[in-house]
């Protein structure tokens, strides 16, 4: 999607969300870059032996619920399936990130 909206793709199982992970950060947090329409997830865990992926899923589950990595297991750019969610649900939660 474009026009300042997150990159989301509805599926029969939920919503696919494109995001960028920043491992080795000082804090776990989600940020939304409106210009690039990219959700960025900062995680404390290093990008070593799946530690950042594990932490990423913990951070995402706090905001979005049940989710899994669909692609990008060894990349900073990932596609995440957020299960049993609608595009509007996800957009509302991403918008709330900017309101914090």
N, C-alpha and C. Protein backbone atom coordinates (compact mmCIF):
# COMPACT_ATOMS: atom_id res chain seq x y z
N UNK A 1 0.84 -1.18 0.00
CA UNK A 1 0.00 0.00 0.00
C UNK A 1 0.88 1.24 0.00
N UNK A 2 0.33 2.32 -0.44
CA UNK A 2 1.10 3.56 -0.39
C UNK A 2 0.21 4.68 0.09
N UNK A 3 0.63 5.93 -0.11
CA UNK A 3 -0.14 7.05 0.39
C UNK A 3 -0.05 7.18 1.90
N UNK A 4 1.11 6.83 2.49
CA UNK A 4 1.29 6.96 3.92
C UNK A 4 0.73 5.81 4.73
N UNK A 5 0.33 4.73 4.08
CA UNK A 5 -0.24 3.59 4.78
C UNK A 5 0.74 2.42 4.78
N UNK A 6 0.69 1.65 5.85
CA UNK A 6 1.59 0.50 6.00
C UNK A 6 1.40 -0.49 4.86
N UNK A 7 2.44 -1.25 4.61
CA UNK A 7 2.41 -2.28 3.56
C UNK A 7 1.72 -3.53 4.09
N UNK A 8 0.44 -3.65 3.80
CA UNK A 8 -0.38 -4.74 4.29
C UNK A 8 -1.02 -5.49 3.13
N UNK A 9 -1.18 -6.80 3.29
CA UNK A 9 -1.85 -7.62 2.29
C UNK A 9 -2.82 -8.55 3.02
N UNK A 10 -4.13 -8.36 2.83
CA UNK A 10 -5.09 -9.25 3.46
C UNK A 10 -5.00 -10.67 2.87
N UNK A 11 -5.17 -11.69 3.71
CA UNK A 11 -5.20 -13.09 3.28
C UNK A 11 -6.38 -13.76 3.99
N UNK A 12 -6.64 -15.00 3.64
CA UNK A 12 -7.72 -15.73 4.31
C UNK A 12 -7.37 -16.05 5.76
N UNK A 13 -6.08 -16.06 6.11
CA UNK A 13 -5.63 -16.38 7.46
C UNK A 13 -5.41 -15.15 8.34
N UNK A 14 -5.39 -13.97 7.73
CA UNK A 14 -5.10 -12.75 8.48
C UNK A 14 -4.56 -11.69 7.56
N UNK A 15 -3.49 -11.04 8.00
CA UNK A 15 -2.90 -9.94 7.23
C UNK A 15 -1.39 -10.12 7.18
N UNK A 16 -0.82 -9.97 5.98
CA UNK A 16 0.64 -9.97 5.83
C UNK A 16 1.13 -8.55 6.02
N UNK A 17 2.18 -8.40 6.81
CA UNK A 17 2.74 -7.10 7.13
C UNK A 17 4.23 -7.11 6.81
N UNK A 18 4.66 -6.19 5.96
CA UNK A 18 6.08 -6.02 5.67
C UNK A 18 6.67 -5.11 6.73
N UNK A 19 7.84 -5.50 7.25
CA UNK A 19 8.48 -4.66 8.26
C UNK A 19 9.99 -4.81 8.18
N UNK A 20 10.68 -3.96 8.93
CA UNK A 20 12.14 -3.95 8.98
C UNK A 20 12.55 -4.10 10.44
N UNK A 21 13.44 -5.02 10.71
CA UNK A 21 13.91 -5.28 12.08
C UNK A 21 15.27 -4.62 12.29
N UNK A 22 15.43 -4.03 13.46
CA UNK A 22 16.70 -3.42 13.84
C UNK A 22 17.17 -4.13 15.11
N UNK A 23 18.00 -5.19 14.94
CA UNK A 23 18.47 -5.96 16.09
C UNK A 23 19.56 -5.20 16.86
N UNK A 24 19.78 -5.62 18.10
CA UNK A 24 20.83 -5.01 18.92
C UNK A 24 20.51 -3.61 19.38
N UNK A 25 19.24 -3.25 19.42
CA UNK A 25 18.83 -1.91 19.86
C UNK A 25 18.88 -1.82 21.38
N UNK A 26 18.84 -0.62 21.90
CA UNK A 26 18.90 -0.44 23.35
C UNK A 26 17.56 -0.75 24.02
N UNK A 27 16.47 -0.67 23.26
CA UNK A 27 15.13 -0.97 23.78
C UNK A 27 14.32 -1.70 22.72
N UNK A 28 13.32 -2.45 23.17
CA UNK A 28 12.36 -3.05 22.25
C UNK A 28 11.27 -2.02 21.98
N UNK A 29 11.01 -1.74 20.71
CA UNK A 29 9.94 -0.79 20.39
C UNK A 29 9.57 -0.89 18.92
N UNK A 30 8.35 -0.42 18.63
CA UNK A 30 7.87 -0.36 17.26
C UNK A 30 7.78 1.10 16.86
N UNK A 31 8.23 1.40 15.65
CA UNK A 31 8.08 2.75 15.11
C UNK A 31 7.53 2.64 13.71
N UNK A 32 6.82 3.67 13.29
CA UNK A 32 6.25 3.67 11.95
C UNK A 32 6.81 4.86 11.18
N UNK A 33 7.43 4.59 10.06
CA UNK A 33 8.00 5.61 9.17
C UNK A 33 6.97 5.89 8.09
N UNK A 34 6.22 6.98 8.25
CA UNK A 34 5.14 7.30 7.32
C UNK A 34 5.60 7.57 5.91
N UNK A 35 6.76 8.19 5.74
CA UNK A 35 7.24 8.53 4.40
C UNK A 35 7.53 7.27 3.59
N UNK A 36 8.17 6.30 4.20
CA UNK A 36 8.48 5.05 3.49
C UNK A 36 7.40 4.00 3.68
N UNK A 37 6.39 4.31 4.50
CA UNK A 37 5.30 3.37 4.81
C UNK A 37 5.85 2.06 5.39
N UNK A 38 6.84 2.16 6.25
CA UNK A 38 7.49 0.96 6.78
C UNK A 38 7.40 0.93 8.31
N UNK A 39 6.96 -0.19 8.82
CA UNK A 39 7.00 -0.43 10.25
C UNK A 39 8.40 -0.93 10.58
N UNK A 40 9.01 -0.34 11.58
CA UNK A 40 10.34 -0.76 12.03
C UNK A 40 10.20 -1.30 13.45
N UNK A 41 10.84 -2.42 13.68
CA UNK A 41 10.79 -3.03 15.01
C UNK A 41 12.21 -3.12 15.55
N UNK A 42 12.45 -2.37 16.60
CA UNK A 42 13.74 -2.37 17.28
C UNK A 42 13.69 -3.45 18.36
N UNK A 43 14.66 -4.36 18.34
CA UNK A 43 14.72 -5.41 19.36
C UNK A 43 16.10 -5.42 20.01
N UNK A 44 16.13 -5.71 21.29
CA UNK A 44 17.40 -5.74 22.03
C UNK A 44 18.27 -6.92 21.62
N UNK A 45 17.64 -8.01 21.24
CA UNK A 45 18.38 -9.24 20.93
C UNK A 45 19.26 -9.06 19.70
N UNK A 46 20.41 -9.74 19.70
CA UNK A 46 21.30 -9.67 18.54
C UNK A 46 20.79 -10.55 17.39
N UNK A 47 21.24 -10.25 16.21
CA UNK A 47 20.90 -11.06 15.03
C UNK A 47 21.85 -12.25 14.98
N UNK A 48 21.63 -13.18 15.89
CA UNK A 48 22.52 -14.35 16.01
C UNK A 48 21.70 -15.54 16.48
N UNK A 49 21.75 -16.62 15.71
CA UNK A 49 21.09 -17.87 16.05
C UNK A 49 19.60 -17.71 16.34
N UNK A 50 18.93 -16.84 15.59
CA UNK A 50 17.48 -16.68 15.72
C UNK A 50 17.01 -15.88 16.92
N UNK A 51 17.93 -15.32 17.68
CA UNK A 51 17.55 -14.57 18.88
C UNK A 51 16.71 -13.34 18.55
N UNK A 52 17.09 -12.60 17.52
CA UNK A 52 16.34 -11.41 17.13
C UNK A 52 14.95 -11.79 16.63
N UNK A 53 14.83 -12.89 15.89
CA UNK A 53 13.52 -13.34 15.41
C UNK A 53 12.60 -13.71 16.57
N UNK A 54 13.14 -14.40 17.56
CA UNK A 54 12.35 -14.76 18.72
C UNK A 54 11.85 -13.54 19.47
N UNK A 55 12.75 -12.60 19.65
CA UNK A 55 12.37 -11.36 20.35
C UNK A 55 11.38 -10.55 19.52
N UNK A 56 11.58 -10.52 18.21
CA UNK A 56 10.66 -9.82 17.31
C UNK A 56 9.24 -10.33 17.50
N UNK A 57 9.07 -11.64 17.51
CA UNK A 57 7.73 -12.21 17.65
C UNK A 57 7.12 -11.86 19.00
N UNK A 58 7.92 -11.85 20.06
CA UNK A 58 7.40 -11.45 21.38
C UNK A 58 6.91 -10.01 21.37
N UNK A 59 7.70 -9.13 20.77
CA UNK A 59 7.33 -7.72 20.70
C UNK A 59 6.06 -7.53 19.86
N UNK A 60 6.00 -8.20 18.72
CA UNK A 60 4.83 -8.06 17.85
C UNK A 60 3.56 -8.62 18.50
N UNK A 61 3.69 -9.72 19.21
CA UNK A 61 2.50 -10.35 19.83
C UNK A 61 1.87 -9.45 20.88
N UNK A 62 2.67 -8.62 21.53
CA UNK A 62 2.11 -7.68 22.51
C UNK A 62 1.17 -6.67 21.85
N UNK A 63 1.46 -6.31 20.61
CA UNK A 63 0.65 -5.32 19.91
C UNK A 63 -0.41 -5.95 19.01
N UNK A 64 -0.03 -6.99 18.28
CA UNK A 64 -0.91 -7.52 17.23
C UNK A 64 -1.55 -8.87 17.53
N UNK A 65 -1.08 -9.59 18.52
CA UNK A 65 -1.62 -10.92 18.80
C UNK A 65 -0.81 -11.99 18.09
N UNK A 66 -1.47 -13.08 17.73
CA UNK A 66 -0.81 -14.25 17.15
C UNK A 66 -0.20 -13.90 15.80
N UNK A 67 1.09 -14.18 15.64
CA UNK A 67 1.77 -13.87 14.38
C UNK A 67 2.93 -14.83 14.16
N UNK A 68 3.37 -14.88 12.92
CA UNK A 68 4.51 -15.73 12.57
C UNK A 68 5.29 -15.10 11.42
N UNK A 69 6.56 -15.44 11.33
CA UNK A 69 7.40 -14.96 10.24
C UNK A 69 7.12 -15.84 9.02
N UNK A 70 6.75 -15.21 7.91
CA UNK A 70 6.45 -15.93 6.67
C UNK A 70 7.67 -15.97 5.77
N UNK A 71 8.38 -14.86 5.69
CA UNK A 71 9.61 -14.81 4.91
C UNK A 71 10.57 -13.80 5.50
N UNK A 72 11.86 -14.01 5.21
CA UNK A 72 12.90 -13.12 5.71
C UNK A 72 13.51 -13.60 7.01
N UNK A 73 13.51 -14.91 7.22
CA UNK A 73 14.06 -15.45 8.48
C UNK A 73 15.51 -15.04 8.72
N UNK A 74 16.27 -14.82 7.65
CA UNK A 74 17.68 -14.44 7.80
C UNK A 74 17.95 -13.04 7.25
N UNK A 75 16.90 -12.23 7.19
CA UNK A 75 17.01 -10.88 6.65
C UNK A 75 16.42 -9.90 7.65
N UNK A 76 16.82 -8.65 7.55
CA UNK A 76 16.22 -7.61 8.39
C UNK A 76 14.85 -7.20 7.86
N UNK A 77 14.61 -7.42 6.58
CA UNK A 77 13.30 -7.16 5.98
C UNK A 77 12.49 -8.44 6.02
N UNK A 78 11.32 -8.38 6.64
CA UNK A 78 10.53 -9.58 6.86
C UNK A 78 9.08 -9.37 6.45
N UNK A 79 8.40 -10.49 6.22
CA UNK A 79 6.96 -10.49 6.03
C UNK A 79 6.39 -11.32 7.17
N UNK A 80 5.46 -10.72 7.89
CA UNK A 80 4.85 -11.34 9.07
C UNK A 80 3.38 -11.58 8.78
N UNK A 81 2.88 -12.75 9.14
CA UNK A 81 1.45 -13.03 9.07
C UNK A 81 0.87 -12.77 10.44
N UNK A 82 -0.06 -11.82 10.51
CA UNK A 82 -0.79 -11.56 11.74
C UNK A 82 -2.12 -12.28 11.59
N UNK A 83 -2.30 -13.31 12.38
CA UNK A 83 -3.45 -14.20 12.21
C UNK A 83 -4.73 -13.61 12.78
N UNK A 84 -5.83 -13.97 12.11
CA UNK A 84 -7.18 -13.60 12.57
C UNK A 84 -7.33 -12.10 12.78
N UNK A 85 -6.76 -11.32 11.89
CA UNK A 85 -6.85 -9.86 11.98
C UNK A 85 -7.30 -9.32 10.63
N UNK A 86 -7.91 -8.14 10.67
CA UNK A 86 -8.28 -7.47 9.43
C UNK A 86 -7.29 -6.35 9.15
N UNK A 87 -7.30 -5.89 7.93
CA UNK A 87 -6.42 -4.78 7.55
C UNK A 87 -6.70 -3.56 8.41
N UNK A 88 -7.98 -3.27 8.68
CA UNK A 88 -8.32 -2.11 9.51
C UNK A 88 -7.83 -2.26 10.94
N UNK A 89 -7.90 -3.49 11.49
CA UNK A 89 -7.38 -3.73 12.84
C UNK A 89 -5.90 -3.34 12.92
N UNK A 90 -5.15 -3.81 11.94
CA UNK A 90 -3.71 -3.56 11.93
C UNK A 90 -3.40 -2.08 11.72
N UNK A 91 -4.11 -1.46 10.78
CA UNK A 91 -3.90 -0.02 10.53
C UNK A 91 -4.18 0.80 11.78
N UNK A 92 -5.24 0.45 12.51
CA UNK A 92 -5.56 1.19 13.74
C UNK A 92 -4.46 1.04 14.78
N UNK A 93 -3.92 -0.16 14.92
CA UNK A 93 -2.85 -0.38 15.89
C UNK A 93 -1.57 0.35 15.49
N UNK A 94 -1.29 0.38 14.20
CA UNK A 94 -0.10 1.12 13.72
C UNK A 94 -0.29 2.61 13.94
N UNK A 95 -1.50 3.10 13.70
CA UNK A 95 -1.77 4.53 13.92
C UNK A 95 -1.58 4.89 15.39
N UNK A 96 -1.95 4.00 16.28
CA UNK A 96 -1.77 4.24 17.71
C UNK A 96 -0.30 4.37 18.10
N UNK A 97 0.59 3.75 17.34
CA UNK A 97 2.02 3.87 17.62
C UNK A 97 2.45 5.33 17.56
N UNK A 98 1.89 6.07 16.61
CA UNK A 98 2.23 7.48 16.47
C UNK A 98 1.62 8.35 17.54
N UNK A 99 0.57 7.83 18.21
CA UNK A 99 -0.12 8.59 19.26
C UNK A 99 0.53 8.46 20.63
N UNK A 100 1.53 7.58 20.75
CA UNK A 100 2.16 7.35 22.07
C UNK A 100 3.09 8.47 22.41
